[in-house]
Amino acid sequence: MTIFDITVQQIVNGLILGSFYTLVALGYSMVYGIIKLLNFAHGDIYMVGAFVGFAILSVLSGIFGDEWTGILASMVLTMIAVGFLGVLIQRIAYRPMLSAPRLSILITAVGVSLVLFNFVMAATYGEYTAFNTGLDDDGITMGHIHITYTQVVMVSATALLMVGLHLFISRTIYGKAMRAISIDMDACRLMGIDVNKIIALTFFVGSALAAAAGVMAGVYYGSIHFFMGFVIGLKAFTAAVIGGIGSIPGAMLGGLVLGLLEAFGTQIPWIGSEWKDVFAFGLLILLLIFKPTGILGRTEIERM
């Protein structure tokens, strides 16, 4: 393969990987921007979304089939179901802790992560689950470059979700309320905004996006397991920090940058794919040293 072939192929691979990171990182940034919570249970929401998507697809495959019609239908239903799971978690675990010290709510998030993690582990006996679909490797071939239709659809779906989120945040009254609460929650209460309702909506949207990423990961890799949310949770958090934690465009940019960096990092001579985590967290350390607020982040007076 020529350098051009390798470059194009790794751009595609990086965009796919960056898509997963971006969708999960958006949930991190949205929740942090609203209530200043590092929701470490978010990676496990992604994992639960993969299993819920698998269960729904297993039911819908008899009606819509197990190709794109069934997959997209199951992904939409999974986003709704897991979105409400995120709202339930927020209502039970996080809302009573909003006035508590930040460390307390952070520990609560770790506890929620462990509950989800161990529940799925017990339900699946710790085994891998095959995410079978009727998709194949058909796609566009140009010399040594092969781009599957699955990759095209996933990148396109991620782009649509990001555009939809941007329009929701910037154009709707609920999006404006989210931005207002991120600036001054107490003033928003005095203005008559139902803060708890907006916070719940934020968790719904963030959880739905993570669930979409979980379904797409299951379709792309062909298997799911209870541990899949741990690493991507750390990577998505890294992406959110790289882009600027609390910034929606920053989370999008950070996810794509991290995905492309990992894809191209594996092509460095004498370095294999096992080094991709070194690139990810090495970039995080360098960024925190030279630009602690991230690429698009802004300096805030309040600190954790």
Protein backbone atom coordinates (compact mmCIF):
# COMPACT_ATOMS: atom_id res chain seq x y z
CA MET A 1 0.00 0.00 0.00
CA THR A 2 1.18 3.52 -0.77
CA ILE A 3 1.38 6.30 1.80
CA PHE A 4 -1.77 7.82 0.27
CA ASP A 5 -3.69 4.54 0.68
CA ILE A 6 -2.59 4.20 4.30
CA THR A 7 -3.49 7.83 5.02
CA VAL A 8 -7.00 7.57 3.60
CA GLN A 9 -7.65 4.24 5.32
CA GLN A 10 -6.48 5.56 8.68
CA ILE A 11 -8.57 8.70 8.30
CA VAL A 12 -11.64 6.48 7.91
CA ASN A 13 -10.60 4.33 10.88
CA GLY A 14 -9.92 7.44 12.96
CA LEU A 15 -13.30 8.95 12.11
CA ILE A 16 -15.07 5.76 13.18
CA LEU A 17 -13.17 5.60 16.46
CA GLY A 18 -13.58 9.34 16.95
CA SER A 19 -17.32 9.01 16.40
CA PHE A 20 -17.62 6.69 19.39
CA TYR A 21 -15.47 8.94 21.54
CA THR A 22 -17.39 12.05 20.47
CA LEU A 23 -20.87 10.72 21.25
CA VAL A 24 -19.80 9.62 24.73
CA ALA A 25 -17.72 12.76 25.36
CA LEU A 26 -20.73 14.94 24.60
CA GLY A 27 -22.53 13.46 27.60
CA TYR A 28 -19.54 14.19 29.83
CA SER A 29 -19.38 17.80 28.67
CA MET A 30 -23.12 18.44 28.87
CA VAL A 31 -23.44 17.15 32.43
CA TYR A 32 -20.27 18.91 33.59
CA GLY A 33 -21.40 22.15 31.97
CA ILE A 34 -24.71 22.04 33.83
CA ILE A 35 -23.93 20.73 37.34
CA LYS A 36 -20.11 20.49 37.31
CA LEU A 37 -20.24 16.70 37.74
CA LEU A 38 -17.69 14.35 36.20
CA ASN A 39 -20.17 11.56 35.52
CA PHE A 40 -17.88 8.53 35.57
CA ALA A 41 -20.91 6.28 35.12
CA HIS A 42 -21.28 7.56 31.57
CA GLY A 43 -19.02 4.89 30.05
CA ASP A 44 -21.24 2.25 31.62
CA ILE A 45 -24.31 3.95 30.13
CA TYR A 46 -22.63 3.38 26.76
CA MET A 47 -22.16 -0.30 27.68
CA VAL A 48 -25.76 -0.68 28.81
CA GLY A 49 -26.87 0.95 25.56
CA ALA A 50 -25.03 -1.74 23.59
CA PHE A 51 -26.82 -4.54 25.48
CA VAL A 52 -30.23 -2.85 25.29
CA GLY A 53 -29.71 -2.32 21.56
CA PHE A 54 -28.81 -5.98 21.14
CA ALA A 55 -31.96 -7.06 23.02
CA ILE A 56 -34.22 -4.73 21.02
CA LEU A 57 -32.64 -5.76 17.71
CA SER A 58 -33.18 -9.41 18.60
CA VAL A 59 -36.91 -8.66 18.95
CA LEU A 60 -37.22 -6.34 15.95
CA SER A 61 -35.20 -8.53 13.58
CA GLY A 62 -38.30 -10.66 13.02
CA ILE A 63 -40.19 -7.56 11.85
CA PHE A 64 -37.64 -5.27 10.19
CA GLY A 65 -34.82 -7.75 9.61
CA ASP A 66 -31.30 -7.52 10.99
CA GLU A 67 -29.92 -5.08 8.44
CA TRP A 68 -30.04 -1.29 8.46
CA THR A 69 -33.80 -0.89 8.84
CA GLY A 70 -33.85 -3.04 11.95
CA ILE A 71 -30.59 -1.60 13.27
CA LEU A 72 -31.71 2.02 12.93
CA ALA A 73 -35.10 1.25 14.47
CA SER A 74 -33.45 -0.51 17.41
CA MET A 75 -30.97 2.35 17.82
CA VAL A 76 -33.77 4.92 18.08
CA LEU A 77 -35.67 2.82 20.64
CA THR A 78 -32.44 2.19 22.55
CA MET A 79 -31.69 5.91 22.70
CA ILE A 80 -35.14 6.54 24.18
CA ALA A 81 -34.92 3.68 26.70
CA VAL A 82 -31.39 4.46 27.88
CA GLY A 83 -32.20 8.17 27.90
CA PHE A 84 -34.89 7.48 30.48
CA LEU A 85 -32.42 5.30 32.38
CA GLY A 86 -30.14 8.33 32.58
CA VAL A 87 -33.03 10.43 33.89
CA LEU A 88 -33.81 7.76 36.51
CA ILE A 89 -30.19 7.66 37.65
CA GLN A 90 -30.12 11.44 37.87
CA ARG A 91 -33.34 11.51 39.87
CA ILE A 92 -32.32 8.82 42.37
CA ALA A 93 -28.56 9.26 42.72
CA TYR A 94 -27.62 12.80 41.67
CA ARG A 95 -30.49 15.19 42.38
CA PRO A 96 -30.35 14.71 46.19
CA MET A 97 -26.60 15.42 46.01
CA LEU A 98 -26.70 18.69 44.08
CA SER A 99 -26.15 20.79 47.20
CA ALA A 100 -23.59 18.37 48.67
CA PRO A 101 -19.81 18.82 48.34
CA ARG A 102 -18.44 18.01 44.89
CA LEU A 103 -16.47 15.07 46.20
CA SER A 104 -19.65 13.45 47.52
CA ILE A 105 -21.48 13.54 44.19
CA LEU A 106 -18.31 12.36 42.43
CA ILE A 107 -18.16 9.29 44.67
CA THR A 108 -21.86 8.73 43.97
CA ALA A 109 -21.09 8.67 40.24
CA VAL A 110 -18.41 6.04 40.83
CA GLY A 111 -20.95 4.02 42.82
CA VAL A 112 -23.51 4.21 39.99
CA SER A 113 -20.81 3.04 37.58
CA LEU A 114 -20.07 0.01 39.74
CA VAL A 115 -23.77 -0.84 40.04
CA LEU A 116 -24.27 -0.82 36.26
CA PHE A 117 -21.00 -2.63 35.64
CA ASN A 118 -21.65 -5.45 38.09
CA PHE A 119 -25.32 -5.81 37.15
CA VAL A 120 -24.48 -6.45 33.49
CA MET A 121 -21.56 -8.68 34.46
CA ALA A 122 -23.86 -10.84 36.59
CA ALA A 123 -26.57 -10.90 33.93
CA THR A 124 -24.16 -12.03 31.20
CA TYR A 125 -21.96 -14.24 33.43
CA GLY A 126 -19.00 -12.11 32.34
CA GLU A 127 -19.03 -13.56 28.82
CA TYR A 128 -18.81 -11.85 25.43
CA THR A 129 -22.10 -11.56 23.53
CA ALA A 130 -22.10 -11.78 19.75
CA PHE A 131 -23.86 -8.79 18.19
CA ASN A 132 -24.98 -10.53 15.01
CA THR A 133 -26.36 -8.52 12.10
CA GLY A 134 -27.02 -9.16 8.45
CA LEU A 135 -24.45 -6.61 7.32
CA ASP A 136 -21.46 -7.59 5.22
CA ASP A 137 -18.19 -6.02 4.13
CA ASP A 138 -19.53 -4.55 0.90
CA GLY A 139 -18.41 -1.02 0.22
CA ILE A 140 -16.34 1.26 -1.95
CA THR A 141 -12.99 -0.05 -3.17
CA MET A 142 -10.36 2.18 -4.73
CA GLY A 143 -7.15 0.27 -5.25
CA HIS A 144 -6.01 -0.88 -1.82
CA ILE A 145 -8.52 1.36 -0.05
CA HIS A 146 -11.74 -0.27 1.08
CA ILE A 147 -14.45 1.74 2.83
CA THR A 148 -17.46 -0.32 3.87
CA TYR A 149 -21.01 0.97 3.70
CA THR A 150 -21.21 0.31 7.44
CA GLN A 151 -18.41 2.82 8.05
CA VAL A 152 -20.09 5.39 5.80
CA VAL A 153 -23.43 5.03 7.57
CA MET A 154 -21.86 5.26 11.03
CA VAL A 155 -19.89 8.41 10.28
CA SER A 156 -22.97 9.94 8.63
CA ALA A 157 -25.19 9.00 11.59
CA THR A 158 -22.70 10.54 14.02
CA ALA A 159 -22.56 13.72 11.96
CA LEU A 160 -26.38 13.95 11.93
CA LEU A 161 -26.53 13.46 15.70
CA MET A 162 -23.89 16.16 16.26
CA VAL A 163 -25.68 18.61 13.95
CA GLY A 164 -28.99 17.81 15.63
CA LEU A 165 -27.49 18.40 19.07
CA HIS A 166 -25.95 21.69 17.96
CA LEU A 167 -29.29 22.90 16.62
CA PHE A 168 -31.06 21.75 19.77
CA ILE A 169 -28.61 23.58 22.04
CA SER A 170 -28.46 26.77 19.96
CA ARG A 171 -32.00 27.12 18.57
CA THR A 172 -34.50 25.68 21.06
CA ILE A 173 -35.81 27.15 24.29
CA TYR A 174 -34.58 24.09 26.20
CA GLY A 175 -31.11 24.50 24.77
CA LYS A 176 -31.08 28.14 25.81
CA ALA A 177 -32.18 27.11 29.29
CA MET A 178 -29.28 24.62 29.46
CA ARG A 179 -26.82 27.34 28.52
CA ALA A 180 -28.32 29.71 31.06
CA ILE A 181 -28.15 27.16 33.88
CA SER A 182 -24.51 26.47 33.06
CA ILE A 183 -23.80 30.14 33.70
CA ASP A 184 -25.88 30.79 36.84
CA MET A 185 -28.21 28.14 38.23
CA ASP A 186 -29.57 30.29 41.08
CA ALA A 187 -30.44 33.17 38.78
CA CYS A 188 -32.27 30.73 36.49
CA ARG A 189 -34.40 29.56 39.42
CA LEU A 190 -35.29 33.18 40.19
CA MET A 191 -36.25 33.66 36.53
CA GLY A 192 -38.75 30.81 36.75
CA ILE A 193 -36.77 28.12 34.91
CA ASP A 194 -37.48 24.59 36.12
CA VAL A 195 -33.85 23.72 36.81
CA ASN A 196 -34.50 20.10 37.80
CA LYS A 197 -36.43 19.50 34.58
CA ILE A 198 -33.61 20.92 32.45
CA ILE A 199 -30.99 18.90 34.31
CA ALA A 200 -33.06 15.74 33.73
CA LEU A 201 -33.32 16.63 30.03
CA THR A 202 -29.55 17.03 29.89
CA PHE A 203 -29.06 13.54 31.30
CA PHE A 204 -31.62 12.18 28.84
CA VAL A 205 -29.83 13.66 25.83
CA GLY A 206 -26.35 12.67 27.04
CA SER A 207 -27.42 9.11 27.84
CA ALA A 208 -29.22 8.77 24.50
CA LEU A 209 -26.09 9.78 22.60
CA ALA A 210 -23.97 7.31 24.59
CA ALA A 211 -26.52 4.58 23.83
CA ALA A 212 -26.32 5.36 20.11
CA ALA A 213 -22.54 4.97 20.31
CA GLY A 214 -22.96 1.65 22.13
CA VAL A 215 -25.25 0.25 19.45
CA MET A 216 -22.94 1.40 16.68
CA ALA A 217 -19.94 -0.14 18.45
CA GLY A 218 -21.78 -3.45 18.74
CA VAL A 219 -22.66 -3.40 15.05
CA TYR A 220 -19.14 -2.41 14.03
CA TYR A 221 -17.12 -4.79 16.20
CA GLY A 222 -19.63 -7.65 16.23
CA SER A 223 -19.47 -8.34 19.96
CA ILE A 224 -20.24 -6.63 23.26
CA HIS A 225 -19.19 -7.29 26.84
CA PHE A 226 -19.65 -5.82 30.31
CA PHE A 227 -16.15 -4.28 30.38
CA MET A 228 -16.50 -2.31 27.14
CA GLY A 229 -17.57 0.88 28.88
CA PHE A 230 -14.52 1.24 31.11
CA VAL A 231 -11.87 2.07 28.53
CA ILE A 232 -14.10 4.14 26.27
CA GLY A 233 -15.31 6.02 29.34
CA LEU A 234 -11.75 7.05 30.11
CA LYS A 235 -11.06 7.83 26.45
CA ALA A 236 -14.22 9.89 26.08
CA PHE A 237 -13.37 11.80 29.25
CA THR A 238 -9.93 12.41 27.77
CA ALA A 239 -11.56 13.66 24.56
CA ALA A 240 -13.82 15.99 26.53
CA VAL A 241 -10.84 17.44 28.41
CA ILE A 242 -8.81 17.79 25.21
CA GLY A 243 -11.62 19.72 23.56
CA GLY A 244 -12.46 21.70 26.70
CA ILE A 245 -14.66 20.12 29.35
CA GLY A 246 -18.10 21.74 29.34
CA SER A 247 -17.83 22.81 25.69
CA ILE A 248 -20.09 20.98 23.21
CA PRO A 249 -18.00 21.89 20.13
CA GLY A 250 -14.92 21.03 22.19
CA ALA A 251 -16.20 17.52 22.90
CA MET A 252 -16.87 17.00 19.19
CA LEU A 253 -13.42 18.24 18.25
CA GLY A 254 -11.67 16.36 21.06
CA GLY A 255 -13.28 13.04 20.10
CA LEU A 256 -12.29 13.35 16.47
CA VAL A 257 -8.75 14.49 17.31
CA LEU A 258 -8.28 11.58 19.70
CA GLY A 259 -9.66 9.04 17.23
CA LEU A 260 -7.43 10.27 14.41
CA LEU A 261 -4.40 10.42 16.69
CA GLU A 262 -4.85 6.81 17.77
CA ALA A 263 -5.42 5.64 14.19
CA PHE A 264 -2.31 7.34 12.83
CA GLY A 265 -0.23 6.58 15.92
CA THR A 266 -0.40 2.86 15.15
CA GLN A 267 1.29 3.50 11.78
CA ILE A 268 4.51 4.81 13.29
CA PRO A 269 7.34 2.35 12.51
CA TRP A 270 8.05 -0.28 15.21
CA ILE A 271 4.96 0.80 17.16
CA GLY A 272 1.80 -1.31 17.11
CA SER A 273 -1.80 -0.80 18.12
CA GLU A 274 -0.99 -1.64 21.74
CA TRP A 275 0.54 1.84 22.01
CA LYS A 276 -2.64 3.72 21.12
CA ASP A 277 -3.54 4.29 24.77
CA VAL A 278 -0.10 5.80 25.31
CA PHE A 279 -0.82 8.36 22.59
CA ALA A 280 -4.24 9.16 24.05
CA PHE A 281 -3.20 9.76 27.63
CA GLY A 282 0.16 11.22 26.64
CA LEU A 283 -1.71 13.88 24.68
CA LEU A 284 -3.93 14.51 27.71
CA ILE A 285 -0.92 15.06 29.97
CA LEU A 286 0.77 17.43 27.51
CA LEU A 287 -2.45 19.38 27.01
CA LEU A 288 -3.05 19.75 30.73
CA ILE A 289 0.50 21.06 31.10
CA PHE A 290 0.42 23.63 28.30
CA LYS A 291 -3.32 24.41 27.98
CA PRO A 292 -5.26 23.17 31.01
CA THR A 293 -8.60 24.48 29.71
CA GLY A 294 -8.48 22.37 26.54
CA ILE A 295 -8.59 23.44 22.91
CA LEU A 296 -11.93 25.28 23.08
CA GLY A 297 -12.32 25.49 26.86
CA ARG A 298 -12.56 28.69 28.81
CA THR A 299 -11.06 29.65 32.14
CA GLU A 300 -13.48 29.55 35.06
CA ILE A 301 -13.10 31.07 38.49
CA GLU A 302 -14.88 28.21 40.29
CA ARG A 303 -12.79 25.08 40.74
CA MET A 304 -13.56 21.53 41.76
